[in-house]
Amino acid sequence: MSKAKQFKAIIERSRAGMDAAFVKIPFDVNAVFGKTRVKVKVLFDEAEYRGSIAIMDKNTGAILGLTKEIRRQIGKSFGDEVHVEVIEDTEPRVVIVPDDFQKALNSNNDAKNIFDNFAYTHRKEYVNWINEAKKTETRQRRIEKSIKMITSGKKYS
């Protein structure tokens, strides 16, 4: 297992007008991990996150995204400095699909097949959205809407 890499970075906005954020990776990802796209476990100022290092473009280089939830947890936003600790994530990424959502997926083969082929992050985001519903009616509407979105190929974002 590789050692954790630690660094400080500035939280940057992905594009003007968007609420998406990232930090630049200040080391040679390929030299450290032997590949350029790496699944990682991260601590952003003690807030835990599982994600991937990716190459944004040739000018920006390797980056690591910061979700709105992580930024909320650490109380930081664009332009703020964050302490980052990153280590390769070799554990399986499993999304526990709630029974009611799984039942809806099982009743629609297209939705089930598409959902099963989504990346971990997209499956997790659908499940989180459904689980965040406070009322039973809201949860059921979200499940129904999810099935429609999934069958149209929409990844939750």
C-alpha atoms as a PDB file:
ATOM      1  CA  MET A   1       0.000   0.000   0.000  1.00  0.00           C
ATOM      2  CA  SER A   2       1.350   3.428  -0.879  1.00  0.00           C
ATOM      3  CA  LYS A   3       2.010   6.079   1.751  1.00  0.00           C
ATOM      4  CA  ALA A   4      -0.305   9.001   2.200  1.00  0.00           C
ATOM      5  CA  LYS A   5       0.676  12.205   0.408  1.00  0.00           C
ATOM      6  CA  GLN A   6      -0.057  15.442   2.228  1.00  0.00           C
ATOM      7  CA  PHE A   7      -0.143  18.974   0.888  1.00  0.00           C
ATOM      8  CA  LYS A   8      -1.914  22.313   1.165  1.00  0.00           C
ATOM      9  CA  ALA A   9      -3.917  23.580  -1.788  1.00  0.00           C
ATOM     10  CA  ILE A  10      -6.248  26.387  -2.767  1.00  0.00           C
ATOM     11  CA  ILE A  11      -9.864  25.450  -3.502  1.00  0.00           C
ATOM     12  CA  GLU A  12     -10.535  26.496  -7.091  1.00  0.00           C
ATOM     13  CA  ARG A  13     -13.799  26.939  -9.018  1.00  0.00           C
ATOM     14  CA  SER A  14     -14.213  24.582 -11.977  1.00  0.00           C
ATOM     15  CA  ARG A  15     -15.794  27.228 -14.217  1.00  0.00           C
ATOM     16  CA  ALA A  16     -17.237  30.676 -13.730  1.00  0.00           C
ATOM     17  CA  GLY A  17     -20.831  30.461 -12.588  1.00  0.00           C
ATOM     18  CA  MET A  18     -20.553  26.829 -11.489  1.00  0.00           C
ATOM     19  CA  ASP A  19     -20.572  25.620  -7.894  1.00  0.00           C
ATOM     20  CA  ALA A  20     -18.050  22.856  -8.632  1.00  0.00           C
ATOM     21  CA  ALA A  21     -14.641  22.920  -6.957  1.00  0.00           C
ATOM     22  CA  PHE A  22     -11.290  21.173  -7.098  1.00  0.00           C
ATOM     23  CA  VAL A  23      -7.709  21.295  -5.855  1.00  0.00           C
ATOM     24  CA  LYS A  24      -4.658  20.769  -8.015  1.00  0.00           C
ATOM     25  CA  ILE A  25      -2.436  17.808  -7.209  1.00  0.00           C
ATOM     26  CA  PRO A  26       1.111  19.175  -6.698  1.00  0.00           C
ATOM     27  CA  PHE A  27       2.975  15.940  -7.397  1.00  0.00           C
ATOM     28  CA  ASP A  28       3.492  13.533 -10.288  1.00  0.00           C
ATOM     29  CA  VAL A  29       0.517  11.188  -9.892  1.00  0.00           C
ATOM     30  CA  ASN A  30       1.919   8.627 -12.329  1.00  0.00           C
ATOM     31  CA  ALA A  31       5.249   8.492 -10.468  1.00  0.00           C
ATOM     32  CA  VAL A  32       3.505   7.981  -7.106  1.00  0.00           C
ATOM     33  CA  PHE A  33       0.672   5.624  -8.097  1.00  0.00           C
ATOM     34  CA  GLY A  34       1.831   4.169 -11.418  1.00  0.00           C
ATOM     35  CA  LYS A  35      -1.217   5.552 -13.251  1.00  0.00           C
ATOM     36  CA  THR A  36      -2.878   8.903 -13.844  1.00  0.00           C
ATOM     37  CA  ARG A  37      -6.496   8.097 -12.867  1.00  0.00           C
ATOM     38  CA  VAL A  38      -6.461   6.851  -9.292  1.00  0.00           C
ATOM     39  CA  LYS A  39      -9.252   6.021  -6.835  1.00  0.00           C
ATOM     40  CA  VAL A  40      -8.315   7.638  -3.540  1.00  0.00           C
ATOM     41  CA  LYS A  41      -9.334   8.161   0.060  1.00  0.00           C
ATOM     42  CA  VAL A  42      -8.919  11.778   1.060  1.00  0.00           C
ATOM     43  CA  LEU A  43      -9.003  13.922   4.161  1.00  0.00           C
ATOM     44  CA  PHE A  44      -9.828  17.551   3.451  1.00  0.00           C
ATOM     45  CA  ASP A  45      -9.163  19.261   6.817  1.00  0.00           C
ATOM     46  CA  GLU A  46     -10.332  16.042   8.551  1.00  0.00           C
ATOM     47  CA  ALA A  47     -13.467  15.588   6.379  1.00  0.00           C
ATOM     48  CA  GLU A  48     -13.324  12.132   4.772  1.00  0.00           C
ATOM     49  CA  TYR A  49     -13.994  11.639   1.086  1.00  0.00           C
ATOM     50  CA  ARG A  50     -13.616   8.863  -1.486  1.00  0.00           C
ATOM     51  CA  GLY A  51     -13.048   9.963  -5.048  1.00  0.00           C
ATOM     52  CA  SER A  52     -10.623   9.848  -7.940  1.00  0.00           C
ATOM     53  CA  ILE A  53      -7.668  11.869  -9.064  1.00  0.00           C
ATOM     54  CA  ALA A  54      -8.168  12.804 -12.690  1.00  0.00           C
ATOM     55  CA  ILE A  55      -6.510  14.885 -15.365  1.00  0.00           C
ATOM     56  CA  MET A  56      -8.713  17.909 -16.047  1.00  0.00           C
ATOM     57  CA  ASP A  57      -6.736  19.136 -19.038  1.00  0.00           C
ATOM     58  CA  LYS A  58      -3.097  19.484 -20.062  1.00  0.00           C
ATOM     59  CA  ASN A  59      -2.847  23.007 -18.596  1.00  0.00           C
ATOM     60  CA  THR A  60      -4.467  22.320 -15.217  1.00  0.00           C
ATOM     61  CA  GLY A  61      -3.012  18.840 -14.728  1.00  0.00           C
ATOM     62  CA  ALA A  62      -4.142  16.365 -12.074  1.00  0.00           C
ATOM     63  CA  ILE A  63      -7.013  17.450  -9.857  1.00  0.00           C
ATOM     64  CA  LEU A  64      -9.216  16.207  -7.058  1.00  0.00           C
ATOM     65  CA  GLY A  65     -12.804  17.412  -6.799  1.00  0.00           C
ATOM     66  CA  LEU A  66     -14.349  18.833  -3.620  1.00  0.00           C
ATOM     67  CA  THR A  67     -18.065  18.293  -3.291  1.00  0.00           C
ATOM     68  CA  LYS A  68     -20.398  20.951  -1.891  1.00  0.00           C
ATOM     69  CA  GLU A  69     -20.942  18.667   1.096  1.00  0.00           C
ATOM     70  CA  ILE A  70     -17.207  18.492   1.884  1.00  0.00           C
ATOM     71  CA  ARG A  71     -16.883  22.267   1.547  1.00  0.00           C
ATOM     72  CA  ARG A  72     -19.844  22.686   3.889  1.00  0.00           C
ATOM     73  CA  GLN A  73     -18.322  20.286   6.434  1.00  0.00           C
ATOM     74  CA  ILE A  74     -14.992  22.106   6.522  1.00  0.00           C
ATOM     75  CA  GLY A  75     -16.509  25.587   6.250  1.00  0.00           C
ATOM     76  CA  LYS A  76     -14.439  26.576   3.240  1.00  0.00           C
ATOM     77  CA  SER A  77     -15.054  27.724  -0.311  1.00  0.00           C
ATOM     78  CA  PHE A  78     -13.305  28.988  -3.440  1.00  0.00           C
ATOM     79  CA  GLY A  79      -9.993  30.683  -2.727  1.00  0.00           C
ATOM     80  CA  ASP A  80      -9.571  29.124   0.718  1.00  0.00           C
ATOM     81  CA  GLU A  81      -6.597  26.948   1.603  1.00  0.00           C
ATOM     82  CA  VAL A  82      -7.254  23.346   2.607  1.00  0.00           C
ATOM     83  CA  HIS A  83      -5.000  20.643   4.035  1.00  0.00           C
ATOM     84  CA  VAL A  84      -5.197  17.503   1.886  1.00  0.00           C
ATOM     85  CA  GLU A  85      -4.118  13.985   2.740  1.00  0.00           C
ATOM     86  CA  VAL A  86      -4.531  11.444  -0.043  1.00  0.00           C
ATOM     87  CA  ILE A  87      -3.898   7.707  -0.263  1.00  0.00           C
ATOM     88  CA  GLU A  88      -4.808   5.153  -2.919  1.00  0.00           C
ATOM     89  CA  ASP A  89      -8.177   3.494  -2.277  1.00  0.00           C
ATOM     90  CA  THR A  90      -7.982  -0.217  -2.986  1.00  0.00           C
ATOM     91  CA  GLU A  91     -11.171  -1.179  -1.148  1.00  0.00           C
ATOM     92  CA  PRO A  92     -14.229  -2.157  -3.186  1.00  0.00           C
ATOM     93  CA  ARG A  93     -16.754   0.625  -3.683  1.00  0.00           C
ATOM     94  CA  VAL A  94     -20.175  -0.680  -2.820  1.00  0.00           C
ATOM     95  CA  VAL A  95     -23.444   1.222  -2.841  1.00  0.00           C
ATOM     96  CA  ILE A  96     -26.170  -0.203  -0.617  1.00  0.00           C
ATOM     97  CA  VAL A  97     -29.383   0.281  -2.575  1.00  0.00           C
ATOM     98  CA  PRO A  98     -32.435   0.604  -0.299  1.00  0.00           C
ATOM     99  CA  ASP A  99     -35.087  -2.084  -0.713  1.00  0.00           C
ATOM    100  CA  ASP A 100     -37.788   0.209  -2.119  1.00  0.00           C
ATOM    101  CA  PHE A 101     -35.449   1.645  -4.763  1.00  0.00           C
ATOM    102  CA  GLN A 102     -34.101  -1.827  -5.606  1.00  0.00           C
ATOM    103  CA  LYS A 103     -37.686  -3.074  -6.056  1.00  0.00           C
ATOM    104  CA  ALA A 104     -38.378  -0.205  -8.492  1.00  0.00           C
ATOM    105  CA  LEU A 105     -35.158  -0.973 -10.380  1.00  0.00           C
ATOM    106  CA  ASN A 106     -35.996  -4.692 -10.513  1.00  0.00           C
ATOM    107  CA  SER A 107     -39.375  -3.878 -12.069  1.00  0.00           C
ATOM    108  CA  ASN A 108     -37.701  -2.013 -14.954  1.00  0.00           C
ATOM    109  CA  ASN A 109     -34.964  -4.024 -16.678  1.00  0.00           C
ATOM    110  CA  ASP A 110     -33.688  -1.043 -18.675  1.00  0.00           C
ATOM    111  CA  ALA A 111     -33.332   1.123 -15.573  1.00  0.00           C
ATOM    112  CA  LYS A 112     -31.700  -1.712 -13.624  1.00  0.00           C
ATOM    113  CA  ASN A 113     -29.152  -2.450 -16.357  1.00  0.00           C
ATOM    114  CA  ILE A 114     -28.282   1.205 -16.859  1.00  0.00           C
ATOM    115  CA  PHE A 115     -28.047   1.866 -13.096  1.00  0.00           C
ATOM    116  CA  ASP A 116     -25.881  -1.222 -12.539  1.00  0.00           C
ATOM    117  CA  ASN A 117     -23.458   0.073 -15.176  1.00  0.00           C
ATOM    118  CA  PHE A 118     -23.210   3.582 -13.727  1.00  0.00           C
ATOM    119  CA  ALA A 119     -19.985   4.449 -11.946  1.00  0.00           C
ATOM    120  CA  TYR A 120     -19.978   4.137  -8.162  1.00  0.00           C
ATOM    121  CA  THR A 121     -20.331   7.893  -7.703  1.00  0.00           C
ATOM    122  CA  HIS A 122     -23.483   8.161  -9.835  1.00  0.00           C
ATOM    123  CA  ARG A 123     -25.135   5.180  -8.100  1.00  0.00           C
ATOM    124  CA  LYS A 124     -24.211   6.679  -4.698  1.00  0.00           C
ATOM    125  CA  GLU A 125     -25.642  10.094  -5.633  1.00  0.00           C
ATOM    126  CA  TYR A 126     -29.017   8.591  -6.636  1.00  0.00           C
ATOM    127  CA  VAL A 127     -29.195   6.588  -3.401  1.00  0.00           C
ATOM    128  CA  ASN A 128     -28.206   9.600  -1.275  1.00  0.00           C
ATOM    129  CA  TRP A 129     -30.834  11.778  -2.971  1.00  0.00           C
ATOM    130  CA  ILE A 130     -33.537   9.197  -2.282  1.00  0.00           C
ATOM    131  CA  ASN A 131     -32.377   8.626   1.315  1.00  0.00           C
ATOM    132  CA  GLU A 132     -32.387  12.382   2.047  1.00  0.00           C
ATOM    133  CA  ALA A 133     -36.152  12.596   1.548  1.00  0.00           C
ATOM    134  CA  LYS A 134     -37.872  13.319   4.863  1.00  0.00           C
ATOM    135  CA  LYS A 135     -41.418  12.356   3.867  1.00  0.00           C
ATOM    136  CA  THR A 136     -42.561   9.012   2.487  1.00  0.00           C
ATOM    137  CA  GLU A 137     -44.320  10.780  -0.394  1.00  0.00           C
ATOM    138  CA  THR A 138     -41.172  12.701  -1.317  1.00  0.00           C
ATOM    139  CA  ARG A 139     -39.113   9.519  -1.208  1.00  0.00           C
ATOM    140  CA  GLN A 140     -41.572   7.725  -3.506  1.00  0.00           C
ATOM    141  CA  ARG A 141     -41.586  10.664  -5.967  1.00  0.00           C
ATOM    142  CA  ARG A 142     -37.778  10.631  -5.995  1.00  0.00           C
ATOM    143  CA  ILE A 143     -37.709   6.899  -6.686  1.00  0.00           C
ATOM    144  CA  GLU A 144     -40.154   7.341  -9.577  1.00  0.00           C
ATOM    145  CA  LYS A 145     -38.211  10.307 -10.937  1.00  0.00           C
ATOM    146  CA  SER A 146     -34.949   8.370 -10.575  1.00  0.00           C
ATOM    147  CA  ILE A 147     -36.272   5.522 -12.700  1.00  0.00           C
ATOM    148  CA  LYS A 148     -37.278   8.003 -15.429  1.00  0.00           C
ATOM    149  CA  MET A 149     -33.929   9.801 -15.256  1.00  0.00           C
ATOM    150  CA  ILE A 150     -31.975   6.552 -15.324  1.00  0.00           C
ATOM    151  CA  THR A 151     -33.877   5.149 -18.322  1.00  0.00           C
ATOM    152  CA  SER A 152     -33.088   8.367 -20.181  1.00  0.00           C
ATOM    153  CA  GLY A 153     -29.403   7.776 -19.362  1.00  0.00           C
ATOM    154  CA  LYS A 154     -29.118  10.750 -16.977  1.00  0.00           C
ATOM    155  CA  LYS A 155     -26.446  10.464 -14.353  1.00  0.00           C
ATOM    156  CA  TYR A 156     -27.531  12.176 -11.152  1.00  0.00           C
ATOM    157  CA  SER A 157     -25.698  15.438 -10.516  1.00  0.00           C
END
